[in-house]
PDB file of N, CA and C in Angstrom:
ATOM      1  N   UNK A   1      -7.706   5.757 -15.857  1.00  0.00           N
ATOM      2  CA  UNK A   1      -7.618   4.411 -15.295  1.00  0.00           C
ATOM      3  C   UNK A   1      -9.076   3.950 -14.916  1.00  0.00           C
ATOM      4  N   UNK A   2     -10.090   4.690 -15.276  1.00  0.00           N
ATOM      5  CA  UNK A   2     -11.415   4.245 -14.731  1.00  0.00           C
ATOM      6  C   UNK A   2     -12.422   4.348 -15.981  1.00  0.00           C
ATOM      7  N   UNK A   3     -13.087   3.053 -15.976  1.00  0.00           N
ATOM      8  CA  UNK A   3     -14.114   3.014 -17.053  1.00  0.00           C
ATOM      9  C   UNK A   3     -15.390   3.636 -16.498  1.00  0.00           C
ATOM     10  N   UNK A   4     -16.134   4.593 -17.249  1.00  0.00           N
ATOM     11  CA  UNK A   4     -17.425   5.179 -16.665  1.00  0.00           C
ATOM     12  C   UNK A   4     -18.361   4.338 -16.479  1.00  0.00           C
ATOM     13  N   UNK A   5     -18.577   3.319 -17.235  1.00  0.00           N
ATOM     14  CA  UNK A   5     -19.593   2.259 -17.199  1.00  0.00           C
ATOM     15  C   UNK A   5     -19.279   1.026 -16.053  1.00  0.00           C
ATOM     16  N   UNK A   6     -18.305   1.121 -15.437  1.00  0.00           N
ATOM     17  CA  UNK A   6     -17.718   0.043 -14.472  1.00  0.00           C
ATOM     18  C   UNK A   6     -18.534   0.510 -13.134  1.00  0.00           C
ATOM     19  N   UNK A   7     -19.167  -0.444 -12.419  1.00  0.00           N
ATOM     20  CA  UNK A   7     -19.665  -0.368 -11.122  1.00  0.00           C
ATOM     21  C   UNK A   7     -18.787  -0.319 -10.046  1.00  0.00           C
ATOM     22  N   UNK A   8     -17.554  -0.644 -10.308  1.00  0.00           N
ATOM     23  CA  UNK A   8     -16.273  -0.531  -9.422  1.00  0.00           C
ATOM     24  C   UNK A   8     -15.649   1.031  -9.523  1.00  0.00           C
ATOM     25  N   UNK A   9     -15.526   1.627  -8.463  1.00  0.00           N
ATOM     26  CA  UNK A   9     -14.878   2.791  -8.355  1.00  0.00           C
ATOM     27  C   UNK A   9     -13.302   2.603  -7.896  1.00  0.00           C
ATOM     28  N   UNK A  10     -12.393   2.909  -8.538  1.00  0.00           N
ATOM     29  CA  UNK A  10     -10.987   2.888  -8.232  1.00  0.00           C
ATOM     30  C   UNK A  10     -10.445   4.355  -8.141  1.00  0.00           C
ATOM     31  N   UNK A  11      -9.954   4.554  -6.961  1.00  0.00           N
ATOM     32  CA  UNK A  11      -9.523   5.808  -6.748  1.00  0.00           C
ATOM     33  C   UNK A  11      -7.888   5.652  -6.431  1.00  0.00           C
ATOM     34  N   UNK A  12      -6.993   6.517  -6.972  1.00  0.00           N
ATOM     35  CA  UNK A  12      -5.706   6.537  -6.894  1.00  0.00           C
ATOM     36  C   UNK A  12      -5.195   7.680  -6.034  1.00  0.00           C
ATOM     37  N   UNK A  13      -4.709   7.546  -4.886  1.00  0.00           N
ATOM     38  CA  UNK A  13      -4.340   8.608  -4.055  1.00  0.00           C
ATOM     39  C   UNK A  13      -2.986   9.177  -4.399  1.00  0.00           C
ATOM     40  N   UNK A  14      -2.720  10.523  -4.017  1.00  0.00           N
ATOM     41  CA  UNK A  14      -1.481  11.057  -4.210  1.00  0.00           C
ATOM     42  C   UNK A  14      -0.252  10.238  -3.508  1.00  0.00           C
ATOM     43  N   UNK A  15      -0.611   9.809  -2.469  1.00  0.00           N
ATOM     44  CA  UNK A  15       0.461   8.739  -1.720  1.00  0.00           C
ATOM     45  C   UNK A  15       0.806   7.630  -2.491  1.00  0.00           C
ATOM     46  N   UNK A  16      -0.292   7.021  -3.100  1.00  0.00           N
ATOM     47  CA  UNK A  16      -0.088   5.767  -3.829  1.00  0.00           C
ATOM     48  C   UNK A  16       0.792   6.147  -5.181  1.00  0.00           C
ATOM     49  N   UNK A  17       0.485   7.228  -5.803  1.00  0.00           N
ATOM     50  CA  UNK A  17       1.268   7.696  -6.942  1.00  0.00           C
ATOM     51  C   UNK A  17       2.579   7.955  -6.623  1.00  0.00           C
ATOM     52  N   UNK A  18       2.940   8.523  -5.652  1.00  0.00           N
ATOM     53  CA  UNK A  18       4.329   8.649  -5.096  1.00  0.00           C
ATOM     54  C   UNK A  18       4.948   7.380  -4.752  1.00  0.00           C
ATOM     55  N   UNK A  19       4.251   6.505  -3.961  1.00  0.00           N
ATOM     56  CA  UNK A  19       4.990   5.380  -3.714  1.00  0.00           C
ATOM     57  C   UNK A  19       5.303   4.369  -4.909  1.00  0.00           C
ATOM     58  N   UNK A  20       4.201   4.574  -6.078  1.00  0.00           N
ATOM     59  CA  UNK A  20       4.301   3.931  -7.278  1.00  0.00           C
ATOM     60  C   UNK A  20       5.565   4.226  -7.964  1.00  0.00           C
ATOM     61  N   UNK A  21       5.990   5.694  -7.888  1.00  0.00           N
ATOM     62  CA  UNK A  21       7.045   6.058  -8.678  1.00  0.00           C
ATOM     63  C   UNK A  21       8.510   5.451  -7.955  1.00  0.00           C
ATOM     64  N   UNK A  22       8.440   5.351  -6.755  1.00  0.00           N
ATOM     65  CA  UNK A  22       9.455   4.640  -6.222  1.00  0.00           C
ATOM     66  C   UNK A  22       9.641   3.277  -6.535  1.00  0.00           C
ATOM     67  N   UNK A  23       8.597   2.656  -6.382  1.00  0.00           N
ATOM     68  CA  UNK A  23       8.618   1.118  -6.645  1.00  0.00           C
ATOM     69  C   UNK A  23       8.757   0.861  -8.129  1.00  0.00           C
ATOM     70  N   UNK A  24       8.406   1.797  -8.940  1.00  0.00           N
ATOM     71  CA  UNK A  24       8.739   1.536 -10.366  1.00  0.00           C
ATOM     72  C   UNK A  24      10.276   1.519 -10.701  1.00  0.00           C
ATOM     73  N   UNK A  25      10.962   2.173  -9.938  1.00  0.00           N
ATOM     74  CA  UNK A  25      12.500   2.024 -10.145  1.00  0.00           C
ATOM     75  C   UNK A  25      12.994   0.735  -9.808  1.00  0.00           C
ATOM     76  N   UNK A  26      12.428   0.019  -9.019  1.00  0.00           N
ATOM     77  CA  UNK A  26      12.922  -1.488  -8.619  1.00  0.00           C
ATOM     78  C   UNK A  26      12.268  -2.367  -9.450  1.00  0.00           C
ATOM     79  N   UNK A  27      10.876  -2.147  -9.562  1.00  0.00           N
ATOM     80  CA  UNK A  27      10.048  -3.320 -10.317  1.00  0.00           C
ATOM     81  C   UNK A  27       9.563  -2.654 -11.521  1.00  0.00           C
ATOM     82  N   UNK A  28      10.147  -2.900 -12.617  1.00  0.00           N
ATOM     83  CA  UNK A  28       9.892  -2.339 -13.961  1.00  0.00           C
ATOM     84  C   UNK A  28       8.586  -2.560 -14.466  1.00  0.00           C
ATOM     85  N   UNK A  29       7.865  -3.631 -14.189  1.00  0.00           N
ATOM     86  CA  UNK A  29       6.733  -4.003 -14.919  1.00  0.00           C
ATOM     87  C   UNK A  29       5.421  -3.508 -14.031  1.00  0.00           C
ATOM     88  N   UNK A  30       5.678  -2.865 -12.891  1.00  0.00           N
ATOM     89  CA  UNK A  30       4.633  -2.690 -11.887  1.00  0.00           C
ATOM     90  C   UNK A  30       3.529  -1.788 -12.428  1.00  0.00           C
ATOM     91  N   UNK A  31       3.718  -0.941 -13.411  1.00  0.00           N
ATOM     92  CA  UNK A  31       2.710  -0.100 -14.081  1.00  0.00           C
ATOM     93  C   UNK A  31       1.747  -1.055 -14.781  1.00  0.00           C
ATOM     94  N   UNK A  32       2.364  -1.944 -15.671  1.00  0.00           N
ATOM     95  CA  UNK A  32       1.529  -2.751 -16.461  1.00  0.00           C
ATOM     96  C   UNK A  32       0.668  -3.857 -15.683  1.00  0.00           C
ATOM     97  N   UNK A  33       1.517  -4.240 -14.533  1.00  0.00           N
ATOM     98  CA  UNK A  33       0.815  -5.283 -13.545  1.00  0.00           C
ATOM     99  C   UNK A  33      -0.357  -4.582 -12.995  1.00  0.00           C
ATOM    100  N   UNK A  34      -0.266  -3.372 -12.739  1.00  0.00           N
ATOM    101  CA  UNK A  34      -1.496  -2.757 -11.944  1.00  0.00           C
ATOM    102  C   UNK A  34      -2.375  -2.233 -13.093  1.00  0.00           C
ATOM    103  N   UNK A  35      -2.112  -2.021 -14.223  1.00  0.00           N
ATOM    104  CA  UNK A  35      -3.132  -1.835 -15.252  1.00  0.00           C
ATOM    105  C   UNK A  35      -4.035  -2.956 -15.407  1.00  0.00           C
ATOM    106  N   UNK A  36      -3.242  -4.310 -15.468  1.00  0.00           N
ATOM    107  CA  UNK A  36      -3.790  -5.336 -15.763  1.00  0.00           C
ATOM    108  C   UNK A  36      -4.991  -5.731 -14.551  1.00  0.00           C
ATOM    109  N   UNK A  37      -4.511  -5.476 -13.364  1.00  0.00           N
ATOM    110  CA  UNK A  37      -5.306  -5.491 -12.233  1.00  0.00           C
ATOM    111  C   UNK A  37      -6.571  -4.708 -12.319  1.00  0.00           C
ATOM    112  N   UNK A  38      -6.381  -3.469 -12.676  1.00  0.00           N
ATOM    113  CA  UNK A  38      -7.569  -2.584 -12.656  1.00  0.00           C
ATOM    114  C   UNK A  38      -8.491  -3.018 -13.832  1.00  0.00           C
ATOM    115  N   UNK A  39      -8.021  -3.363 -14.907  1.00  0.00           N
ATOM    116  CA  UNK A  39      -8.744  -3.820 -15.982  1.00  0.00           C
ATOM    117  C   UNK A  39      -9.724  -5.267 -15.599  1.00  0.00           C
ATOM    118  N   UNK A  40      -9.002  -5.942 -14.737  1.00  0.00           N
ATOM    119  CA  UNK A  40      -9.894  -7.112 -14.244  1.00  0.00           C
ATOM    120  C   UNK A  40     -10.963  -6.644 -13.280  1.00  0.00           C
ATOM    121  N   UNK A  41     -10.415  -5.623 -12.392  1.00  0.00           N
ATOM    122  CA  UNK A  41     -11.563  -5.234 -11.485  1.00  0.00           C
ATOM    123  C   UNK A  41     -12.668  -4.687 -12.215  1.00  0.00           C
ATOM    124  N   UNK A  42     -12.435  -3.865 -13.217  1.00  0.00           N
ATOM    125  CA  UNK A  42     -13.497  -3.249 -14.091  1.00  0.00           C
ATOM    126  C   UNK A  42     -14.338  -4.117 -14.721  1.00  0.00           C
ATOM    127  N   UNK A  43     -13.788  -5.234 -15.066  1.00  0.00           N
ATOM    128  CA  UNK A  43     -14.473  -6.245 -15.749  1.00  0.00           C
ATOM    129  C   UNK A  43     -15.483  -7.082 -15.006  1.00  0.00           C
ATOM    130  N   UNK A  44     -15.401  -6.824 -13.643  1.00  0.00           N
ATOM    131  CA  UNK A  44     -16.096  -7.522 -12.709  1.00  0.00           C
ATOM    132  C   UNK A  44     -15.630  -8.763 -11.902  1.00  0.00           C
ATOM    133  N   UNK A  45     -14.291  -9.024 -12.253  1.00  0.00           N
ATOM    134  CA  UNK A  45     -13.701 -10.117 -11.710  1.00  0.00           C
ATOM    135  C   UNK A  45     -13.157  -9.698 -10.135  1.00  0.00           C
ATOM    136  N   UNK A  46     -13.462 -10.765  -9.162  1.00  0.00           N
ATOM    137  CA  UNK A  46     -13.228 -10.479  -7.909  1.00  0.00           C
ATOM    138  C   UNK A  46     -11.917 -11.110  -7.654  1.00  0.00           C
ATOM    139  N   UNK A  47     -10.949 -10.371  -7.134  1.00  0.00           N
ATOM    140  CA  UNK A  47      -9.618 -10.780  -7.030  1.00  0.00           C
ATOM    141  C   UNK A  47      -9.253 -10.718  -5.510  1.00  0.00           C
ATOM    142  N   UNK A  48      -8.912 -11.934  -5.004  1.00  0.00           N
ATOM    143  CA  UNK A  48      -8.448 -11.908  -3.552  1.00  0.00           C
ATOM    144  C   UNK A  48      -9.514 -12.132  -2.505  1.00  0.00           C
ATOM    145  N   UNK A  49      -9.255 -12.217  -1.353  1.00  0.00           N
ATOM    146  CA  UNK A  49     -10.317 -12.501  -0.281  1.00  0.00           C
ATOM    147  C   UNK A  49     -11.167 -11.473   0.303  1.00  0.00           C
ATOM    148  N   UNK A  50     -12.436 -11.621   0.510  1.00  0.00           N
ATOM    149  CA  UNK A  50     -13.258 -10.532   1.087  1.00  0.00           C
ATOM    150  C   UNK A  50     -12.853 -10.413   2.589  1.00  0.00           C
ATOM    151  N   UNK A  51     -12.681  -9.248   3.091  1.00  0.00           N
ATOM    152  CA  UNK A  51     -12.418  -8.933   4.323  1.00  0.00           C
ATOM    153  C   UNK A  51     -14.020  -8.592   4.928  1.00  0.00           C
ATOM    154  N   UNK A  52     -14.118  -9.321   5.991  1.00  0.00           N
ATOM    155  CA  UNK A  52     -15.481  -9.133   6.352  1.00  0.00           C
ATOM    156  C   UNK A  52     -15.737  -8.162   7.683  1.00  0.00           C
ATOM    157  N   UNK A  53     -16.760  -7.661   8.244  1.00  0.00           N
ATOM    158  CA  UNK A  53     -16.953  -6.928   9.256  1.00  0.00           C
ATOM    159  C   UNK A  53     -16.779  -5.298   8.674  1.00  0.00           C
ATOM    160  N   UNK A  54     -16.771  -4.903   7.488  1.00  0.00           N
ATOM    161  CA  UNK A  54     -16.528  -3.648   7.041  1.00  0.00           C
ATOM    162  C   UNK A  54     -17.973  -3.296   6.127  1.00  0.00           C
ATOM    163  N   UNK A  55     -18.203  -2.074   6.185  1.00  0.00           N
ATOM    164  CA  UNK A  55     -19.403  -1.558   5.668  1.00  0.00           C
ATOM    165  C   UNK A  55     -19.271  -1.771   4.016  1.00  0.00           C
ATOM    166  N   UNK A  56     -18.200  -1.631   3.493  1.00  0.00           N
ATOM    167  CA  UNK A  56     -18.030  -1.748   2.011  1.00  0.00           C
ATOM    168  C   UNK A  56     -17.372  -3.106   1.684  1.00  0.00           C
ATOM    169  N   UNK A  57     -17.392  -3.530   0.507  1.00  0.00           N
ATOM    170  CA  UNK A  57     -16.872  -4.727  -0.042  1.00  0.00           C
ATOM    171  C   UNK A  57     -15.359  -4.495  -0.211  1.00  0.00           C
ATOM    172  N   UNK A  58     -14.559  -5.116   0.589  1.00  0.00           N
ATOM    173  CA  UNK A  58     -12.914  -4.824   0.564  1.00  0.00           C
ATOM    174  C   UNK A  58     -12.482  -6.179   0.322  1.00  0.00           C
ATOM    175  N   UNK A  59     -11.485  -6.220  -0.477  1.00  0.00           N
ATOM    176  CA  UNK A  59     -10.863  -7.490  -0.603  1.00  0.00           C
ATOM    177  C   UNK A  59      -9.385  -7.393  -0.591  1.00  0.00           C
ATOM    178  N   UNK A  60      -8.725  -8.450   0.060  1.00  0.00           N
ATOM    179  CA  UNK A  60      -7.268  -8.348   0.153  1.00  0.00           C
ATOM    180  C   UNK A  60      -6.708  -9.278  -1.020  1.00  0.00           C
ATOM    181  N   UNK A  61      -5.600  -8.807  -1.588  1.00  0.00           N
ATOM    182  CA  UNK A  61      -4.903  -9.432  -2.557  1.00  0.00           C
ATOM    183  C   UNK A  61      -4.212 -10.608  -2.208  1.00  0.00           C
ATOM    184  N   UNK A  62      -4.573 -11.889  -2.755  1.00  0.00           N
ATOM    185  CA  UNK A  62      -3.932 -13.079  -2.772  1.00  0.00           C
ATOM    186  C   UNK A  62      -2.366 -12.969  -2.947  1.00  0.00           C
ATOM    187  N   UNK A  63      -1.619 -13.432  -2.100  1.00  0.00           N
ATOM    188  CA  UNK A  63      -0.163 -13.426  -2.373  1.00  0.00           C
ATOM    189  C   UNK A  63       0.248 -14.425  -3.378  1.00  0.00           C
ATOM    190  N   UNK A  64       1.310 -14.156  -4.204  1.00  0.00           N
ATOM    191  CA  UNK A  64       1.784 -15.007  -5.149  1.00  0.00           C
ATOM    192  C   UNK A  64       2.651 -15.974  -4.507  1.00  0.00           C
ATOM    193  N   UNK A  65       2.713 -17.165  -4.817  1.00  0.00           N
ATOM    194  CA  UNK A  65       3.622 -18.186  -4.291  1.00  0.00           C
ATOM    195  C   UNK A  65       4.511 -18.773  -5.295  1.00  0.00           C
TER     196      UNK A  65
END
């Protein structure tokens, strides 16, 4: 899920993988939705609102309405 030339580093934790398995039972398209999100991030698109006051650039996802 990570592109070597991308300046953005995406790490998937064991906890996230476990939670994703449980969520996938209810939300069938969650894996493809996440893959789409990861591809956008690796392409350099900034998605969501930046959280200030943190050493790293952290963004909070915008909620769908």
